[in-house]
Amino acid sequence: MLNNEYPLEPLFGRILSPFQRFIRRTTAGGIVLSVTTALTLVAASVFGDDALHHFFEQPFVLGVGSRFELKLTLHHLINDGLMALFFLMVGFELKREILVGELSSMRDAALPVFAAAGGMIVPAGIYAALNVGTPAAAGWGIPMATDIAFAVGILVLLAWRIPKNLIVFLMALAIADDLGAVIVIAAFYTADLRVEYLWASGAITALLILLNRAGVRRALPYALLGFPLWFFVHASGVHATLAGIILAFSIPSVPKVGAIDFLNRIKELREAFLQQREDQSTGDNPLNNSEMAAVAEAIESAAVAVQSPLQRLEHGLTPWVTFVVIPLFAVANAGIDLAAVKWGSALGNPLTIGVALGLVVGKFIGIGAFSWVAVKMGLARLPTDVEWKHVLGAAWLAGIGFTMSLFIAQLAFTSAAMVEQAKIGILVGSAISAIVGLVWLYMASIKRAA
């Protein structure tokens, strides 16, 4: 047994363990995002949203030489750069669900896909009807989105009261919704295209596909190509976050070693490790035994080989995206001086009303109606133990647009005033959807228990 050479280790372990347990919780991302948003709104109301705006509009330049350069602000770096990591995670989730998850078969995917379609079409229709023929019409994509961190985080709060398959359904719906949002961004919120940069993006994409087909499973080559891919996609006029989706789909999802081979290899290495320990008199510390150290390294390599690059990257990126990227995005985009808002005129503005009604009413009607029609026509089926009251509760929670809605609002409008109006609609609509959805499912769970 190794001597304890680190007397402070138990103390630090006791201090850090609550934080480690919190980070592993499914609700952690939603809690951090909620707290960050609340603090941002308080800061904007105390210091004024102009202070936040000036801070995030500080300019700087990225590039090589004078030909390839990008002039950005801190705000753009977060929205166009760091959010590419968020979309990389979205791409990982999409790829996993399509290959082995709820979207892997038509029968399982049918209900969340129909629900997501209704949850996009009806909110967009409500918004468009209220803003047709006005400059605000470009914001029709704003209420189409669902914030998976908030929605699933709230649903997990009721996890012991609701069917487990309802959480799976909402996650699949939100992921399908993300796919729809990505398509909308690519097709309708793309600036003027620059062909030379598109060709460069295509060349890098071809290299990524070549790496995939060649069986390259190290993350580094993909990461090195990911940076120029982001640069050229951004410079082409296509939104740079799509580089994250392209990169995610190019990364291999099949491990180098299968489960059976891994188990056999671990058995061999375990025996070798025990043999070295018995043969040597150097104690348990591998520092004193090079053969034991070599076996330990081989065990580590085997553990890496049985995981796909997609799994490893998703596992490594998730805490950074959840606890750094998305909160930074909230700070940079959610700041509204609530004290300065003229609520009467704001809530009477068609843009604000369109966003709020799209999220609250549009999501509920769209998801509920499309799901009902799909099931009644035999095109889909309700998940095991899930009833219609649960589907409708999930439909309310899907009205929490927040992250993706704020993101699309930034793309839809160049006017700061219109972006502010959209933010108010997003905050109001998302808050109402969260409260109603939570109460609805809580009441449904009481009736279920009774």
Protein backbone atom coordinates (compact mmCIF):
# COMPACT_ATOMS: atom_id res chain seq x y z
CA MET A 1 0.00 0.00 0.00
CA LEU A 2 1.30 3.46 -0.93
CA ASN A 3 2.19 5.84 1.87
CA ASN A 4 0.10 8.97 2.07
CA GLU A 5 2.56 11.66 0.99
CA TYR A 6 -0.19 14.24 0.50
CA PRO A 7 -1.71 14.98 3.92
CA LEU A 8 -3.94 17.76 2.53
CA GLU A 9 -5.47 15.50 -0.13
CA PRO A 10 -8.38 14.25 2.07
CA LEU A 11 -9.21 17.83 3.08
CA PHE A 12 -9.25 19.07 -0.52
CA GLY A 13 -11.24 15.98 -1.49
CA ARG A 14 -13.94 16.88 1.05
CA ILE A 15 -13.99 20.49 -0.19
CA LEU A 16 -14.16 19.60 -3.89
CA SER A 17 -16.50 16.60 -3.74
CA PRO A 18 -19.74 18.68 -3.46
CA PHE A 19 -18.73 20.66 -6.55
CA GLN A 20 -17.84 17.45 -8.41
CA ARG A 21 -21.21 15.92 -7.50
CA PHE A 22 -22.98 19.09 -8.68
CA ILE A 23 -21.17 19.12 -12.04
CA ARG A 24 -22.22 15.51 -12.67
CA ARG A 25 -25.90 16.32 -12.09
CA THR A 26 -28.13 16.46 -15.17
CA THR A 27 -29.68 19.70 -13.91
CA ALA A 28 -26.33 21.44 -13.34
CA GLY A 29 -26.22 23.12 -16.76
CA GLY A 30 -29.72 24.53 -16.40
CA ILE A 31 -29.01 25.77 -12.87
CA VAL A 32 -25.78 27.53 -13.88
CA LEU A 33 -27.47 29.09 -16.91
CA SER A 34 -30.40 30.28 -14.78
CA VAL A 35 -28.12 31.86 -12.18
CA THR A 36 -25.92 33.46 -14.86
CA THR A 37 -28.94 34.92 -16.65
CA ALA A 38 -30.40 36.28 -13.41
CA LEU A 39 -27.09 37.90 -12.43
CA THR A 40 -26.72 39.38 -15.93
CA LEU A 41 -30.19 40.91 -15.75
CA VAL A 42 -29.44 42.33 -12.29
CA ALA A 43 -26.10 43.76 -13.48
CA ALA A 44 -27.71 45.30 -16.56
CA SER A 45 -30.46 46.84 -14.43
CA VAL A 46 -28.00 48.23 -11.85
CA PHE A 47 -25.22 49.46 -14.14
CA GLY A 48 -27.25 49.86 -17.34
CA ASP A 49 -27.08 47.59 -20.37
CA ASP A 50 -24.83 50.16 -22.12
CA ALA A 51 -21.96 49.18 -19.81
CA LEU A 52 -22.22 45.54 -20.86
CA HIS A 53 -22.61 46.55 -24.50
CA HIS A 54 -19.45 48.69 -24.50
CA PHE A 55 -17.45 45.94 -22.81
CA PHE A 56 -18.41 43.27 -25.33
CA GLU A 57 -17.98 45.55 -28.35
CA GLN A 58 -14.21 45.92 -27.89
CA PRO A 59 -12.60 45.22 -31.30
CA PHE A 60 -9.60 43.08 -32.26
CA VAL A 61 -8.29 41.29 -35.36
CA LEU A 62 -7.66 37.60 -36.08
CA GLY A 63 -5.73 36.54 -39.16
CA VAL A 64 -2.53 35.72 -41.01
CA GLY A 65 -1.06 38.60 -43.00
CA SER A 66 -3.33 41.13 -44.66
CA ARG A 67 -5.20 38.74 -46.97
CA PHE A 68 -6.71 36.37 -44.42
CA GLU A 69 -7.94 38.42 -41.48
CA LEU A 70 -11.13 38.83 -39.50
CA LYS A 71 -12.09 41.97 -37.60
CA LEU A 72 -14.14 40.93 -34.59
CA THR A 73 -15.50 42.24 -31.32
CA LEU A 74 -15.60 40.26 -28.08
CA HIS A 75 -19.33 39.88 -28.67
CA HIS A 76 -18.72 38.39 -32.13
CA LEU A 77 -15.96 36.14 -30.81
CA ILE A 78 -18.40 34.62 -28.32
CA ASN A 79 -21.34 34.37 -30.74
CA ASP A 80 -19.37 33.25 -33.80
CA GLY A 81 -16.35 31.58 -32.21
CA LEU A 82 -17.11 30.03 -28.83
CA MET A 83 -20.64 29.13 -29.91
CA ALA A 84 -19.08 26.98 -32.62
CA LEU A 85 -18.09 24.70 -29.71
CA PHE A 86 -21.73 24.65 -28.63
CA PHE A 87 -22.75 23.63 -32.14
CA LEU A 88 -19.97 21.04 -32.14
CA MET A 89 -21.68 19.52 -29.09
CA VAL A 90 -25.04 19.76 -30.89
CA GLY A 91 -23.44 17.91 -33.80
CA PHE A 92 -22.13 15.20 -31.46
CA GLU A 93 -25.61 14.76 -29.97
CA LEU A 94 -27.25 14.65 -33.40
CA LYS A 95 -24.77 12.11 -34.73
CA ARG A 96 -25.10 9.89 -31.66
CA GLU A 97 -28.90 9.99 -31.72
CA ILE A 98 -29.01 9.27 -35.47
CA LEU A 99 -26.61 6.32 -35.15
CA VAL A 100 -27.71 4.62 -31.93
CA GLY A 101 -30.26 6.81 -30.15
CA GLU A 102 -33.90 7.83 -30.42
CA LEU A 103 -33.45 9.01 -34.01
CA SER A 104 -31.75 5.80 -35.20
CA SER A 105 -34.91 4.10 -36.47
CA MET A 106 -37.94 5.55 -38.21
CA ARG A 107 -40.31 4.00 -35.67
CA ASP A 108 -38.55 5.54 -32.66
CA ALA A 109 -37.73 8.84 -34.37
CA ALA A 110 -41.19 9.47 -35.80
CA LEU A 111 -42.84 11.06 -32.76
CA PRO A 112 -40.00 13.44 -31.76
CA VAL A 113 -39.47 14.42 -35.40
CA PHE A 114 -43.18 15.16 -35.97
CA ALA A 115 -43.31 16.99 -32.63
CA ALA A 116 -40.23 19.05 -33.50
CA ALA A 117 -41.70 19.90 -36.92
CA GLY A 118 -44.90 21.15 -35.30
CA GLY A 119 -42.87 23.00 -32.69
CA MET A 120 -41.08 24.89 -35.45
CA ILE A 121 -43.82 25.47 -38.04
CA VAL A 122 -46.60 26.77 -35.78
CA PRO A 123 -44.45 29.24 -33.74
CA ALA A 124 -42.92 30.58 -36.96
CA GLY A 125 -46.40 30.93 -38.44
CA ILE A 126 -47.74 32.84 -35.42
CA TYR A 127 -44.77 35.21 -35.48
CA ALA A 128 -45.00 35.73 -39.24
CA ALA A 129 -48.74 36.45 -39.07
CA LEU A 130 -48.15 39.21 -36.51
CA ASN A 131 -45.16 40.77 -38.31
CA VAL A 132 -45.83 40.20 -42.01
CA GLY A 133 -44.79 43.14 -44.19
CA THR A 134 -42.72 44.80 -41.45
CA PRO A 135 -38.92 44.96 -40.93
CA ALA A 136 -39.42 42.56 -38.01
CA ALA A 137 -40.61 39.80 -40.35
CA ALA A 138 -37.03 38.47 -40.58
CA GLY A 139 -37.28 37.21 -37.00
CA TRP A 140 -39.68 34.36 -37.80
CA GLY A 141 -37.01 31.80 -36.85
CA ILE A 142 -36.63 33.10 -33.27
CA PRO A 143 -39.55 31.22 -31.60
CA MET A 144 -38.72 27.96 -33.40
CA ALA A 145 -35.94 27.03 -30.97
CA THR A 146 -35.86 24.96 -27.77
CA ASP A 147 -33.16 25.31 -25.13
CA ILE A 148 -32.28 21.72 -24.28
CA ALA A 149 -30.34 22.62 -21.11
CA PHE A 150 -33.21 24.58 -19.56
CA ALA A 151 -36.03 22.30 -20.76
CA VAL A 152 -34.46 18.98 -19.78
CA GLY A 153 -33.05 20.49 -16.57
CA ILE A 154 -36.55 21.45 -15.41
CA LEU A 155 -37.96 18.08 -16.46
CA VAL A 156 -35.28 16.26 -14.46
CA LEU A 157 -36.43 18.13 -11.34
CA LEU A 158 -39.57 15.99 -11.60
CA ALA A 159 -37.70 12.85 -12.67
CA TRP A 160 -39.05 10.67 -9.85
CA ARG A 161 -42.64 11.78 -10.59
CA ILE A 162 -42.75 11.33 -14.37
CA PRO A 163 -42.10 8.44 -16.79
CA LYS A 164 -38.42 8.07 -17.63
CA ASN A 165 -39.30 7.86 -21.32
CA LEU A 166 -40.70 11.41 -21.19
CA ILE A 167 -37.18 12.74 -20.57
CA VAL A 168 -35.91 10.69 -23.52
CA PHE A 169 -38.75 12.03 -25.69
CA LEU A 170 -38.05 15.67 -24.80
CA MET A 171 -34.32 15.25 -25.40
CA ALA A 172 -34.95 13.65 -28.80
CA LEU A 173 -37.45 16.41 -29.64
CA ALA A 174 -34.95 19.12 -28.64
CA ILE A 175 -32.17 17.49 -30.67
CA ALA A 176 -34.43 17.23 -33.74
CA ASP A 177 -35.37 20.87 -33.09
CA ASP A 178 -31.66 21.77 -33.02
CA LEU A 179 -31.23 20.11 -36.42
CA GLY A 180 -34.10 22.20 -37.76
CA ALA A 181 -32.55 25.35 -36.29
CA VAL A 182 -29.21 24.56 -37.94
CA ILE A 183 -30.95 24.14 -41.31
CA VAL A 184 -32.83 27.42 -40.83
CA ILE A 185 -29.61 29.27 -39.94
CA ALA A 186 -27.80 27.84 -42.97
CA ALA A 187 -30.64 28.46 -45.42
CA PHE A 188 -32.15 31.76 -44.27
CA TYR A 189 -29.67 33.59 -42.03
CA THR A 190 -26.60 33.50 -44.23
CA ALA A 191 -24.94 36.71 -45.43
CA ASP A 192 -23.59 37.36 -48.94
CA LEU A 193 -21.44 34.41 -49.94
CA ARG A 194 -17.76 34.68 -50.88
CA VAL A 195 -16.99 31.81 -53.22
CA GLU A 196 -13.23 31.59 -52.63
CA TYR A 197 -13.75 30.99 -48.92
CA LEU A 198 -16.48 28.45 -49.65
CA TRP A 199 -14.02 26.52 -51.84
CA ALA A 200 -11.46 26.61 -49.00
CA SER A 201 -14.12 25.37 -46.55
CA GLY A 202 -15.03 22.59 -48.97
CA ALA A 203 -11.38 21.54 -49.31
CA ILE A 204 -10.96 21.28 -45.53
CA THR A 205 -14.25 19.37 -45.25
CA ALA A 206 -12.92 16.93 -47.87
CA LEU A 207 -9.75 16.47 -45.80
CA LEU A 208 -11.84 15.78 -42.70
CA ILE A 209 -13.85 13.15 -44.59
CA LEU A 210 -10.59 11.63 -45.86
CA LEU A 211 -9.27 11.38 -42.29
CA ASN A 212 -12.50 9.68 -41.24
CA ARG A 213 -12.41 7.16 -44.08
CA ALA A 214 -8.72 6.48 -43.42
CA GLY A 215 -9.59 5.44 -39.87
CA VAL A 216 -7.69 8.26 -38.15
CA ARG A 217 -8.99 8.21 -34.58
CA ARG A 218 -6.73 10.72 -32.89
CA ALA A 219 -8.52 13.95 -32.03
CA LEU A 220 -5.58 16.26 -32.79
CA PRO A 221 -5.75 16.17 -36.63
CA TYR A 222 -9.47 16.97 -36.54
CA ALA A 223 -8.91 19.80 -34.06
CA LEU A 224 -6.10 21.28 -36.17
CA LEU A 225 -8.35 21.28 -39.25
CA GLY A 226 -11.27 22.61 -37.21
CA PHE A 227 -9.67 26.03 -36.69
CA PRO A 228 -9.13 26.87 -40.39
CA LEU A 229 -12.55 25.36 -41.16
CA TRP A 230 -14.14 27.81 -38.71
CA PHE A 231 -12.13 30.71 -40.19
CA PHE A 232 -13.08 29.99 -43.81
CA VAL A 233 -16.73 29.21 -43.05
CA HIS A 234 -17.01 32.51 -41.15
CA ALA A 235 -15.28 34.44 -43.94
CA SER A 236 -17.48 32.81 -46.60
CA GLY A 237 -20.64 34.42 -45.24
CA VAL A 238 -22.12 31.15 -43.97
CA HIS A 239 -22.51 31.35 -40.21
CA ALA A 240 -19.36 30.05 -38.54
CA THR A 241 -21.21 27.86 -36.05
CA LEU A 242 -21.99 25.48 -38.91
CA ALA A 243 -18.29 24.61 -38.88
CA GLY A 244 -19.01 22.89 -35.55
CA ILE A 245 -21.69 20.71 -37.14
CA ILE A 246 -19.44 19.79 -40.08
CA LEU A 247 -16.57 18.93 -37.74
CA ALA A 248 -18.80 16.83 -35.47
CA PHE A 249 -20.12 14.72 -38.33
CA SER A 250 -16.60 14.09 -39.65
CA ILE A 251 -15.24 12.71 -36.37
CA PRO A 252 -15.31 8.88 -36.19
CA SER A 253 -17.99 7.32 -34.00
CA VAL A 254 -16.59 3.77 -34.12
CA PRO A 255 -13.88 2.78 -31.60
CA LYS A 256 -10.64 1.16 -32.68
CA VAL A 257 -11.20 -1.85 -30.42
CA GLY A 258 -14.46 -3.71 -29.75
CA ALA A 259 -15.79 -4.60 -26.31
CA ILE A 260 -14.78 -8.30 -26.44
CA ASP A 261 -11.24 -7.54 -27.60
CA PHE A 262 -10.98 -4.87 -24.91
CA LEU A 263 -12.03 -7.27 -22.15
CA ASN A 264 -9.56 -9.91 -23.36
CA ARG A 265 -6.77 -7.33 -23.51
CA ILE A 266 -7.54 -6.04 -20.00
CA LYS A 267 -7.47 -9.61 -18.64
CA GLU A 268 -4.03 -10.13 -20.18
CA LEU A 269 -2.71 -6.84 -18.82
CA ARG A 270 -4.16 -7.51 -15.37
CA GLU A 271 -2.33 -10.82 -15.21
CA ALA A 272 0.88 -9.16 -16.41
CA PHE A 273 0.54 -6.41 -13.80
CA LEU A 274 -0.01 -8.92 -10.98
CA GLN A 275 2.92 -11.01 -12.20
CA GLN A 276 5.25 -8.00 -12.20
CA ARG A 277 4.09 -7.08 -8.69
CA GLU A 278 4.86 -10.56 -7.41
CA ASP A 279 8.22 -10.82 -9.17
CA GLN A 280 9.56 -7.49 -7.94
CA SER A 281 10.41 -6.34 -4.44
CA THR A 282 10.06 -2.67 -5.26
CA GLY A 283 6.64 -2.21 -3.70
CA ASP A 284 3.37 -1.00 -5.19
CA ASN A 285 4.64 2.24 -6.68
CA PRO A 286 5.09 1.93 -10.49
CA LEU A 287 7.79 4.62 -10.25
CA ASN A 288 10.05 1.92 -8.79
CA ASN A 289 9.11 -0.68 -11.42
CA SER A 290 9.37 0.17 -15.12
CA GLU A 291 7.59 -3.03 -16.15
CA MET A 292 4.57 -2.21 -13.97
CA ALA A 293 4.55 1.33 -15.37
CA ALA A 294 4.58 -0.06 -18.94
CA VAL A 295 1.61 -2.32 -18.18
CA ALA A 296 -0.27 0.60 -16.59
CA GLU A 297 0.32 2.68 -19.74
CA ALA A 298 -0.92 -0.23 -21.88
CA ILE A 299 -4.12 -0.39 -19.77
CA GLU A 300 -4.61 3.34 -20.30
CA SER A 301 -4.10 2.94 -24.07
CA ALA A 302 -6.60 0.08 -24.17
CA ALA A 303 -9.17 2.21 -22.32
CA VAL A 304 -8.71 4.97 -24.91
CA ALA A 305 -8.95 2.55 -27.85
CA VAL A 306 -12.33 1.16 -26.73
CA GLN A 307 -13.83 4.68 -26.80
CA SER A 308 -14.65 6.37 -30.09
CA PRO A 309 -13.12 9.81 -30.77
CA LEU A 310 -16.66 11.20 -30.71
CA GLN A 311 -17.19 9.87 -27.18
CA ARG A 312 -13.86 11.18 -25.92
CA LEU A 313 -14.31 14.65 -27.41
CA GLU A 314 -17.91 14.95 -26.25
CA HIS A 315 -16.92 13.91 -22.72
CA GLY A 316 -14.04 16.40 -22.69
CA LEU A 317 -15.97 19.33 -24.19
CA THR A 318 -19.25 18.98 -22.28
CA PRO A 319 -18.16 20.71 -19.03
CA TRP A 320 -16.48 23.55 -20.97
CA VAL A 321 -19.55 24.17 -23.12
CA THR A 322 -21.99 23.77 -20.23
CA PHE A 323 -20.17 25.83 -17.61
CA VAL A 324 -18.15 28.31 -19.70
CA VAL A 325 -19.40 28.81 -23.27
CA ILE A 326 -23.17 28.95 -22.68
CA PRO A 327 -22.94 31.13 -19.53
CA LEU A 328 -20.60 33.52 -21.42
CA PHE A 329 -23.13 33.62 -24.25
CA ALA A 330 -25.86 34.47 -21.74
CA VAL A 331 -23.78 37.29 -20.23
CA ALA A 332 -22.99 38.70 -23.68
CA ASN A 333 -26.54 38.51 -25.02
CA ALA A 334 -29.13 38.42 -22.24
CA GLY A 335 -28.37 41.78 -20.65
CA ILE A 336 -31.49 43.95 -20.54
CA ASP A 337 -32.05 46.88 -18.21
CA LEU A 338 -35.40 45.68 -16.89
CA ALA A 339 -35.92 48.90 -14.96
CA ALA A 340 -35.68 50.91 -18.19
CA VAL A 341 -38.06 48.70 -20.18
CA LYS A 342 -41.39 50.34 -20.98
CA TRP A 343 -43.39 47.20 -20.44
CA GLY A 344 -46.64 48.60 -21.79
CA SER A 345 -45.20 49.44 -25.18
CA ALA A 346 -42.87 46.40 -25.19
CA LEU A 347 -45.68 43.92 -24.63
CA GLY A 348 -47.76 45.75 -27.23
CA ASN A 349 -45.03 45.45 -29.86
CA PRO A 350 -45.82 42.83 -32.56
CA LEU A 351 -42.20 41.64 -32.54
CA THR A 352 -42.18 40.99 -28.79
CA ILE A 353 -45.69 39.50 -28.83
CA GLY A 354 -44.83 37.32 -31.82
CA VAL A 355 -41.79 35.84 -30.10
CA ALA A 356 -43.56 35.31 -26.75
CA LEU A 357 -46.74 33.85 -28.27
CA GLY A 358 -44.71 31.71 -30.64
CA LEU A 359 -42.79 30.18 -27.74
CA VAL A 360 -45.72 29.79 -25.34
CA VAL A 361 -48.74 29.10 -27.55
CA GLY A 362 -47.06 28.04 -30.79
CA LYS A 363 -44.87 25.36 -29.22
CA PHE A 364 -47.76 23.94 -27.18
CA ILE A 365 -50.19 23.78 -30.11
CA GLY A 366 -47.60 22.74 -32.68
CA ILE A 367 -46.05 19.90 -30.68
CA GLY A 368 -49.39 18.70 -29.30
CA ALA A 369 -51.27 18.81 -32.62
CA PHE A 370 -48.54 17.30 -34.80
CA SER A 371 -47.91 14.54 -32.24
CA TRP A 372 -51.62 13.71 -31.98
CA VAL A 373 -52.07 13.56 -35.77
CA ALA A 374 -48.94 11.40 -36.19
CA VAL A 375 -50.14 8.90 -33.56
CA LYS A 376 -53.76 8.80 -34.80
CA MET A 377 -52.58 8.21 -38.38
CA GLY A 378 -50.36 5.35 -37.24
CA LEU A 379 -47.17 7.16 -38.23
CA ALA A 380 -45.82 7.26 -34.68
CA ARG A 381 -46.47 5.84 -31.24
CA LEU A 382 -46.37 7.18 -27.70
CA PRO A 383 -43.36 5.99 -25.67
CA THR A 384 -43.99 3.36 -22.99
CA ASP A 385 -45.77 4.77 -19.89
CA VAL A 386 -46.07 8.22 -21.52
CA GLU A 387 -49.60 9.64 -21.73
CA TRP A 388 -50.92 12.64 -23.63
CA LYS A 389 -50.83 14.83 -20.52
CA HIS A 390 -47.09 14.18 -20.36
CA VAL A 391 -46.59 15.05 -24.03
CA LEU A 392 -48.45 18.33 -23.50
CA GLY A 393 -46.33 19.09 -20.43
CA ALA A 394 -43.20 18.53 -22.49
CA ALA A 395 -44.70 20.80 -25.17
CA TRP A 396 -44.90 23.63 -22.62
CA LEU A 397 -41.27 23.11 -21.60
CA ALA A 398 -40.19 23.10 -25.25
CA GLY A 399 -41.29 26.74 -25.31
CA ILE A 400 -38.13 27.63 -23.38
CA GLY A 401 -36.21 29.03 -26.33
CA PHE A 402 -33.50 31.07 -24.65
CA THR A 403 -30.00 30.15 -25.97
CA MET A 404 -30.88 29.28 -29.57
CA SER A 405 -33.60 31.95 -29.75
CA LEU A 406 -31.17 34.65 -28.57
CA PHE A 407 -28.68 33.34 -31.11
CA ILE A 408 -31.13 33.55 -34.03
CA ALA A 409 -32.27 37.02 -32.90
CA GLN A 410 -28.68 38.26 -33.28
CA LEU A 411 -28.63 36.87 -36.83
CA ALA A 412 -32.08 38.14 -37.81
CA PHE A 413 -31.72 41.81 -36.89
CA THR A 414 -29.06 44.46 -37.31
CA SER A 415 -31.09 46.98 -35.30
CA ALA A 416 -30.15 47.01 -31.61
CA ALA A 417 -33.69 48.13 -30.72
CA MET A 418 -35.24 45.14 -32.50
CA VAL A 419 -32.80 42.76 -30.85
CA GLU A 420 -33.82 44.20 -27.47
CA GLN A 421 -37.52 43.70 -28.30
CA ALA A 422 -36.80 40.12 -29.31
CA LYS A 423 -34.89 39.53 -26.05
CA ILE A 424 -37.87 40.70 -24.01
CA GLY A 425 -40.15 38.34 -25.92
CA ILE A 426 -37.70 35.47 -25.43
CA LEU A 427 -37.35 36.07 -21.68
CA VAL A 428 -41.10 36.49 -21.12
CA GLY A 429 -42.05 33.54 -23.33
CA SER A 430 -39.39 31.25 -21.89
CA ALA A 431 -40.29 32.15 -18.29
CA ILE A 432 -44.01 31.52 -18.86
CA SER A 433 -43.30 28.23 -20.63
CA ALA A 434 -41.01 27.06 -17.82
CA ILE A 435 -43.49 27.91 -15.04
CA VAL A 436 -46.56 26.50 -16.81
CA GLY A 437 -44.69 23.36 -17.88
CA LEU A 438 -43.38 22.70 -14.38
CA VAL A 439 -46.80 23.21 -12.76
CA TRP A 440 -48.57 21.18 -15.48
CA LEU A 441 -46.31 18.14 -15.07
CA TYR A 442 -46.35 18.42 -11.28
CA MET A 443 -50.17 18.36 -11.28
CA ALA A 444 -50.14 15.49 -13.78
CA SER A 445 -47.80 13.53 -11.51
CA ILE A 446 -50.12 14.05 -8.50
CA LYS A 447 -53.07 12.69 -10.49
CA ARG A 448 -50.89 9.79 -11.66
CA ALA A 449 -49.88 8.95 -8.09
CA ALA A 450 -53.50 9.16 -6.94
